Protein backbone atom coordinates (compact mmCIF):
# COMPACT_ATOMS: atom_id res chain seq x y z
CA MET A 1 63.39 101.66 88.84
CA ARG A 2 64.25 103.36 85.69
CA VAL A 3 67.78 102.34 84.61
CA ALA A 4 69.66 104.14 81.86
CA VAL A 5 72.16 101.39 80.15
CA LEU A 6 75.32 103.17 78.54
CA ALA A 7 76.66 101.12 75.68
CA GLY A 8 79.48 101.61 72.98
CA GLY A 9 81.94 104.46 73.84
CA ARG A 10 85.16 105.96 72.12
CA SER A 11 87.55 103.19 72.85
CA SER A 12 88.63 100.25 70.80
CA GLU A 13 86.52 98.00 73.08
CA HIS A 14 83.39 99.61 71.58
CA ASP A 15 81.98 96.58 70.04
CA VAL A 16 82.57 94.53 73.53
CA SER A 17 80.66 97.08 75.25
CA LEU A 18 77.67 96.69 72.76
CA SER A 19 77.50 93.09 73.49
CA SER A 20 78.01 93.54 77.27
CA ALA A 21 75.27 96.14 77.38
CA ALA A 22 72.69 94.06 75.36
CA ALA A 23 73.13 91.11 78.13
CA VAL A 24 72.83 93.77 80.82
CA ARG A 25 69.66 95.23 79.22
CA GLY A 26 68.17 91.69 79.33
CA GLY A 27 69.04 91.11 83.02
CA ILE A 28 67.79 94.27 84.15
CA ALA A 29 64.46 93.64 82.33
CA ALA A 30 64.22 90.22 83.91
CA ALA A 31 64.69 91.69 87.31
CA GLY A 32 61.56 93.94 86.68
CA HIS A 33 63.18 97.07 85.93
CA GLU A 34 62.41 99.78 82.97
CA VAL A 35 65.42 99.96 80.56
CA VAL A 36 66.51 103.33 79.13
CA PRO A 37 69.18 102.48 76.21
CA VAL A 38 71.75 104.98 75.46
CA THR A 39 74.55 104.43 72.82
CA ILE A 40 77.67 106.42 72.99
CA GLU A 41 79.14 106.44 69.33
CA ARG A 42 82.62 106.35 68.51
CA ASP A 43 82.79 109.90 67.78
CA GLY A 44 81.42 110.61 71.53
CA ASP A 45 77.66 111.52 70.55
CA TRP A 46 75.31 110.19 73.03
CA ILE A 47 72.17 108.86 71.30
CA HIS A 48 68.79 107.86 72.70
CA GLU A 49 65.82 106.78 70.45
CA GLY A 50 67.62 108.10 67.35
CA GLN A 51 68.45 111.53 69.07
CA THR A 52 71.59 113.05 70.17
CA LEU A 53 71.39 114.09 73.91
CA SER A 54 72.23 117.22 75.43
CA LEU A 55 73.64 116.80 79.09
CA LYS A 56 73.04 119.34 81.64
CA PRO A 57 75.21 119.56 85.06
CA GLY A 58 72.86 118.48 87.79
CA GLY A 59 70.26 117.55 85.29
CA GLY A 60 70.43 113.69 85.72
CA LEU A 61 69.92 111.44 82.57
CA LEU A 62 66.82 111.07 80.80
CA GLY A 63 64.85 110.88 84.36
CA ALA A 64 66.56 107.57 85.19
CA ASP A 65 66.74 106.57 89.00
CA VAL A 66 70.06 104.93 88.28
CA VAL A 67 72.87 104.58 85.32
CA PHE A 68 74.72 101.37 84.54
CA PRO A 69 77.61 102.46 82.39
CA VAL A 70 78.41 99.18 80.69
CA LEU A 71 81.59 100.79 79.07
CA HIS A 72 85.15 99.46 78.75
CA GLY A 73 88.43 101.01 78.21
CA PRO A 74 89.36 104.93 78.01
CA PHE A 75 86.32 107.37 78.19
CA GLY A 76 84.26 104.74 79.79
CA GLU A 77 86.17 102.79 82.62
CA ASP A 78 89.06 105.45 83.50
CA GLY A 79 87.33 107.89 85.57
CA THR A 80 86.02 110.47 82.95
CA LEU A 81 82.70 109.14 82.45
CA GLN A 82 82.20 108.70 86.33
CA GLY A 83 83.12 112.07 86.54
CA LEU A 84 80.63 113.24 84.24
CA LEU A 85 78.19 111.17 85.93
CA GLU A 86 78.91 112.67 89.33
CA LEU A 87 78.12 116.39 87.68
CA LEU A 88 74.95 115.12 86.43
CA ASP A 89 74.15 114.11 89.94
CA VAL A 90 72.89 110.47 89.23
CA PRO A 91 73.52 107.26 90.93
CA TYR A 92 75.72 105.03 88.86
CA VAL A 93 76.95 101.31 88.90
CA GLY A 94 80.45 100.84 89.67
CA ALA A 95 83.37 102.26 90.96
CA GLY A 96 83.99 105.98 91.36
CA VAL A 97 86.33 108.45 89.79
CA LEU A 98 89.53 107.72 91.63
CA ALA A 99 89.04 104.17 91.65
CA SER A 100 88.27 103.98 88.19
CA SER A 101 91.24 106.26 87.05
CA LEU A 102 93.63 104.19 89.45
CA CYS A 103 92.48 100.81 88.41
CA MET A 104 92.50 101.64 84.88
CA ASP A 105 96.24 102.55 84.98
CA LYS A 106 98.21 98.99 85.46
CA VAL A 107 101.25 100.80 86.45
CA VAL A 108 99.81 103.05 89.07
CA PHE A 109 97.57 100.03 90.20
CA LYS A 110 100.58 97.73 90.78
CA ASP A 111 102.73 100.69 92.37
CA VAL A 112 99.87 101.34 94.96
CA LEU A 113 99.64 97.69 95.78
CA ALA A 114 103.31 97.19 95.77
CA GLY A 115 104.38 95.67 99.10
CA VAL A 116 100.90 95.15 100.24
CA VAL A 117 99.75 92.02 98.10
CA PRO A 118 102.09 89.75 96.07
CA GLN A 119 102.55 90.56 92.25
CA VAL A 120 104.42 89.34 89.38
CA PRO A 121 107.73 91.74 88.72
CA TYR A 122 106.90 94.41 86.27
CA ALA A 123 108.22 97.79 84.88
CA GLY A 124 106.34 100.98 83.81
CA LEU A 125 107.95 102.74 80.67
CA ARG A 126 106.90 106.06 78.97
CA GLU A 127 107.14 106.56 75.32
CA PRO A 128 109.51 109.63 75.38
CA ARG A 129 112.12 107.62 77.44
CA TRP A 130 111.80 104.62 74.95
CA ARG A 131 112.52 106.90 72.03
CA ALA A 132 115.50 108.72 73.83
CA GLU A 133 117.18 105.71 75.33
CA PRO A 134 116.05 102.61 73.83
CA GLU A 135 119.34 100.56 74.65
CA ALA A 136 119.39 101.38 78.18
CA VAL A 137 115.48 100.70 78.33
CA LEU A 138 116.26 97.32 76.70
CA GLU A 139 119.02 96.65 79.14
CA GLU A 140 116.85 97.37 82.25
CA LEU A 141 113.99 95.43 81.04
CA ALA A 142 116.19 92.27 80.50
CA ALA A 143 116.07 91.95 84.30
CA LEU A 144 112.58 90.65 84.12
CA GLY A 145 113.76 87.54 81.96
CA LEU A 146 111.84 85.98 79.10
CA PRO A 147 109.14 85.65 78.34
CA VAL A 148 107.34 89.00 79.26
CA PHE A 149 104.14 90.46 78.42
CA VAL A 150 103.97 93.95 76.86
CA LYS A 151 100.75 95.80 77.52
CA PRO A 152 99.37 99.28 76.97
CA ALA A 153 98.96 100.66 80.43
CA ARG A 154 95.41 102.06 80.24
CA LEU A 155 93.41 99.35 77.76
CA GLY A 156 91.57 96.14 78.47
CA SER A 157 90.41 93.20 76.55
CA SER A 158 94.00 92.42 75.48
CA VAL A 159 94.04 94.91 72.86
CA GLY A 160 97.57 95.90 72.07
CA ILE A 161 99.36 93.04 73.93
CA ALA A 162 102.15 91.01 72.78
CA LYS A 163 103.84 87.98 74.51
CA VAL A 164 107.58 88.41 74.00
CA ARG A 165 109.56 85.43 73.82
CA THR A 166 113.05 86.47 72.69
CA ALA A 167 115.21 89.62 73.09
CA ASP A 168 114.66 90.62 69.38
CA GLU A 169 110.96 90.54 69.70
CA LEU A 170 110.82 93.31 72.52
CA GLY A 171 111.56 96.47 70.63
CA PRO A 172 108.74 95.87 68.06
CA ALA A 173 106.38 94.87 70.90
CA LEU A 174 107.00 98.04 72.77
CA ASP A 175 106.48 99.99 69.52
CA GLY A 176 103.23 97.97 68.83
CA ALA A 177 101.84 98.93 72.73
CA PHE A 178 102.95 102.56 72.27
CA ALA A 179 100.46 102.70 69.23
CA HIS A 180 97.73 102.45 71.73
CA ASP A 181 99.13 104.19 74.82
CA SER A 182 101.90 106.50 75.84
CA LEU A 183 102.40 104.35 78.98
CA VAL A 184 103.39 100.73 78.74
CA ILE A 185 103.72 97.94 81.23
CA VAL A 186 106.15 95.13 80.90
CA GLU A 187 105.26 92.19 83.05
CA GLY A 188 107.31 89.16 84.08
CA PHE A 189 106.09 85.74 83.02
CA SER A 190 104.21 83.57 85.48
CA PRO A 191 103.68 79.99 84.60
CA GLY A 192 100.72 79.68 87.36
CA LEU A 193 97.24 79.04 86.60
CA GLU A 194 95.35 81.82 85.79
CA VAL A 195 92.44 82.20 88.29
CA GLU A 196 89.51 84.83 88.26
CA CYS A 197 87.30 85.93 91.19
CA SER A 198 84.32 88.31 90.95
CA VAL A 199 83.71 90.89 93.76
CA LEU A 200 80.52 92.53 94.69
CA GLY A 201 79.51 95.34 97.22
CA PHE A 202 80.17 98.60 98.85
CA GLY A 203 81.77 99.71 101.99
CA ALA A 204 84.30 97.45 104.10
CA SER A 205 82.62 93.87 103.51
CA PRO A 206 82.23 93.17 99.85
CA GLU A 207 81.68 89.52 98.95
CA ALA A 208 83.84 87.13 96.74
CA SER A 209 82.47 84.69 94.67
CA VAL A 210 83.70 81.36 94.02
CA PRO A 211 87.14 81.67 91.99
CA GLY A 212 87.11 80.25 88.52
CA GLU A 213 90.33 78.75 86.38
CA ILE A 214 90.83 79.96 82.93
CA VAL A 215 91.45 76.85 80.50
CA LEU A 216 92.63 77.78 76.90
CA THR A 217 90.79 75.68 74.42
CA SER A 218 91.42 77.58 71.16
CA GLY A 219 95.19 76.70 70.84
CA ALA A 220 96.66 80.14 71.92
CA ASP A 221 99.28 79.99 74.56
CA TRP A 222 97.80 82.96 76.41
CA TYR A 223 94.47 84.68 77.20
CA ASP A 224 94.27 86.97 74.17
CA TYR A 225 91.41 88.72 72.67
CA GLU A 226 90.32 85.82 70.38
CA ALA A 227 90.33 83.31 73.56
CA LYS A 228 88.33 86.01 75.59
CA TYR A 229 85.48 86.59 73.11
CA THR A 230 85.30 83.66 70.84
CA ASP A 231 82.88 80.80 71.61
CA GLY A 232 84.90 78.03 72.34
CA GLY A 233 88.25 79.95 72.85
CA MET A 234 88.30 78.87 76.62
CA GLU A 235 86.61 77.06 79.40
CA LEU A 236 85.94 78.26 82.74
CA VAL A 237 86.58 75.61 85.37
CA VAL A 238 84.64 76.48 88.48
CA PRO A 239 85.78 76.23 91.12
CA ALA A 240 89.42 76.45 90.06
CA ARG A 241 91.45 73.17 90.51
CA LEU A 242 93.11 74.15 93.75
CA PRO A 243 93.10 73.20 97.39
CA GLU A 244 90.21 74.78 99.58
CA PRO A 245 92.79 76.97 101.53
CA VAL A 246 94.25 78.25 98.22
CA LEU A 247 90.76 78.94 96.79
CA GLU A 248 90.10 81.03 100.39
CA GLU A 249 93.24 82.95 99.90
CA VAL A 250 92.12 83.97 96.34
CA ARG A 251 88.93 85.22 97.55
CA ARG A 252 90.72 87.03 100.59
CA LEU A 253 93.13 88.91 98.29
CA ALA A 254 90.26 89.71 96.05
CA VAL A 255 88.30 91.58 98.61
CA GLU A 256 91.39 93.04 99.97
CA THR A 257 92.24 94.45 96.59
CA PHE A 258 88.72 95.67 96.12
CA VAL A 259 88.85 97.52 99.30
CA ARG A 260 92.38 99.05 99.25
CA VAL A 261 91.91 100.56 96.03
CA GLY A 262 88.37 102.15 97.07
CA CYS A 263 86.19 100.08 94.45
CA ALA A 264 82.45 99.96 94.73
CA GLY A 265 79.83 97.75 93.09
CA LEU A 266 81.79 95.51 91.13
CA ALA A 267 85.19 94.26 90.03
CA ARG A 268 86.85 91.14 88.66
CA VAL A 269 90.23 90.42 90.27
CA ASP A 270 92.65 88.36 88.16
CA PHE A 271 95.33 86.16 89.66
CA PHE A 272 98.15 83.76 88.78
CA VAL A 273 98.55 80.58 91.18
CA GLU A 274 101.87 79.15 91.14
CA ASP A 275 103.03 75.74 92.35
CA GLY A 276 99.17 75.26 93.40
CA GLU A 277 99.60 77.54 96.35
CA ARG A 278 101.49 81.12 95.81
CA VAL A 279 98.67 83.42 94.83
CA LEU A 280 99.82 86.73 92.92
CA VAL A 281 97.43 89.53 91.96
CA ASN A 282 97.62 90.24 88.42
CA GLU A 283 94.97 93.32 87.71
CA LEU A 284 91.49 94.29 88.84
CA ASN A 285 88.61 95.22 86.27
CA THR A 286 86.39 97.89 87.34
CA MET A 287 83.89 97.02 84.75
CA PRO A 288 84.27 93.38 83.59
CA GLY A 289 82.71 92.05 80.50
CA PHE A 290 79.01 90.81 80.41
CA THR A 291 79.07 89.22 77.38
CA LYS A 292 77.81 85.73 76.93
CA THR A 293 81.42 84.34 77.37
CA SER A 294 82.21 86.71 80.26
CA VAL A 295 83.88 85.36 83.29
CA TYR A 296 82.17 87.98 85.83
CA PRO A 297 78.59 86.87 85.86
CA LYS A 298 79.48 83.33 85.48
CA LEU A 299 81.16 83.17 88.48
CA TRP A 300 78.36 84.65 90.50
CA GLU A 301 76.04 82.40 88.72
CA ALA A 302 78.02 79.26 89.87
CA SER A 303 78.05 81.01 93.36
CA GLY A 304 74.26 80.99 93.40
CA LEU A 305 73.49 84.50 92.31
CA PRO A 306 71.57 84.39 88.69
CA PHE A 307 72.18 86.93 86.38
CA PRO A 308 68.74 89.06 86.78
CA GLN A 309 69.48 89.23 90.66
CA LEU A 310 72.88 90.47 90.07
CA CYS A 311 71.91 93.05 87.91
CA ASP A 312 69.19 94.00 90.52
CA ARG A 313 71.96 93.77 93.39
CA LEU A 314 74.21 96.28 91.47
CA ILE A 315 71.68 98.78 90.85
CA ALA A 316 70.41 98.62 94.50
CA LEU A 317 74.52 99.12 95.44
CA ALA A 318 74.55 101.98 93.13
CA VAL A 319 71.71 103.70 94.85
CA GLU A 320 73.14 102.68 98.34
CA ARG A 321 76.71 104.46 97.49
CA PHE A 322 74.99 107.50 96.13
CA GLU A 323 72.86 108.22 99.15
CA ALA A 324 75.91 107.40 101.48
CA GLU A 325 78.12 109.94 99.67
CA ARG A 326 75.43 112.55 99.37
CA SER A 327 74.43 112.29 102.96
CA VAL A 328 77.84 114.16 103.79
CA ALA A 329 78.68 117.98 103.54
CA PHE A 330 81.12 118.81 100.78
């Protein structure tokens, strides 16, 4: 098939996207498909072979049979790009508009799953309230204990995140997160193992990979941007060093979370496992990284699905979903 691979984007994760997309282009070519590279510049221009593209609703994209939008963060992973691809009327890899938007917003994601899957305690905070009532906010957040993680609610790749160890650090951490997003999430600390599981599929029966355990080797005490994207920053232990029943519970919860939020194609679900048995869902990433240090393809490789075949499966799932959704009358 002819596959348009989108790279770059307007978010702070532009460079990560470029690295991910380079790997995806190689995987797609190795699977025997034609690659059509498209770069989305930081200013939003779509560029192919040095020319700025003009997009027409219903007109597809450069004659592609399917689009692989390897974009992270706002304007790529949050439902906006997915809406544009729907209007272009072209199959695309990954979650649709609603699931992309829902999973990008960490507060909404956790609210939707509250009472359904176990999670760490958390609180969402909007900037106007923080500016109007800082003392009341700090008093409420104290209930989460220390340390806590302060995160922009709608970014990824650990951008803008701070680990807060003392009460005096909380206010500056909130200010730092609000520089990236008007909605912030504050999460209680879990001492558990960080475990990740890749999901692949469409419909009611997606598949979960072997879970992997994140082991930091860079000296950092949490899984920050440098640990994620620097060679040697972390070691992925596959399978995670947990009893088999716990590994199966991780896989079960990964699939349940994927289905409940309406994902399609792919996702990486992140967990904490406390005391070797209590599994907590942390978040779900609808377009995980595909760089050489990224966990999603490594877990499928360890599960017996090499990278070119993984890319091939994702393309086939995109077409399958497109055909299923276009078979109903709107």
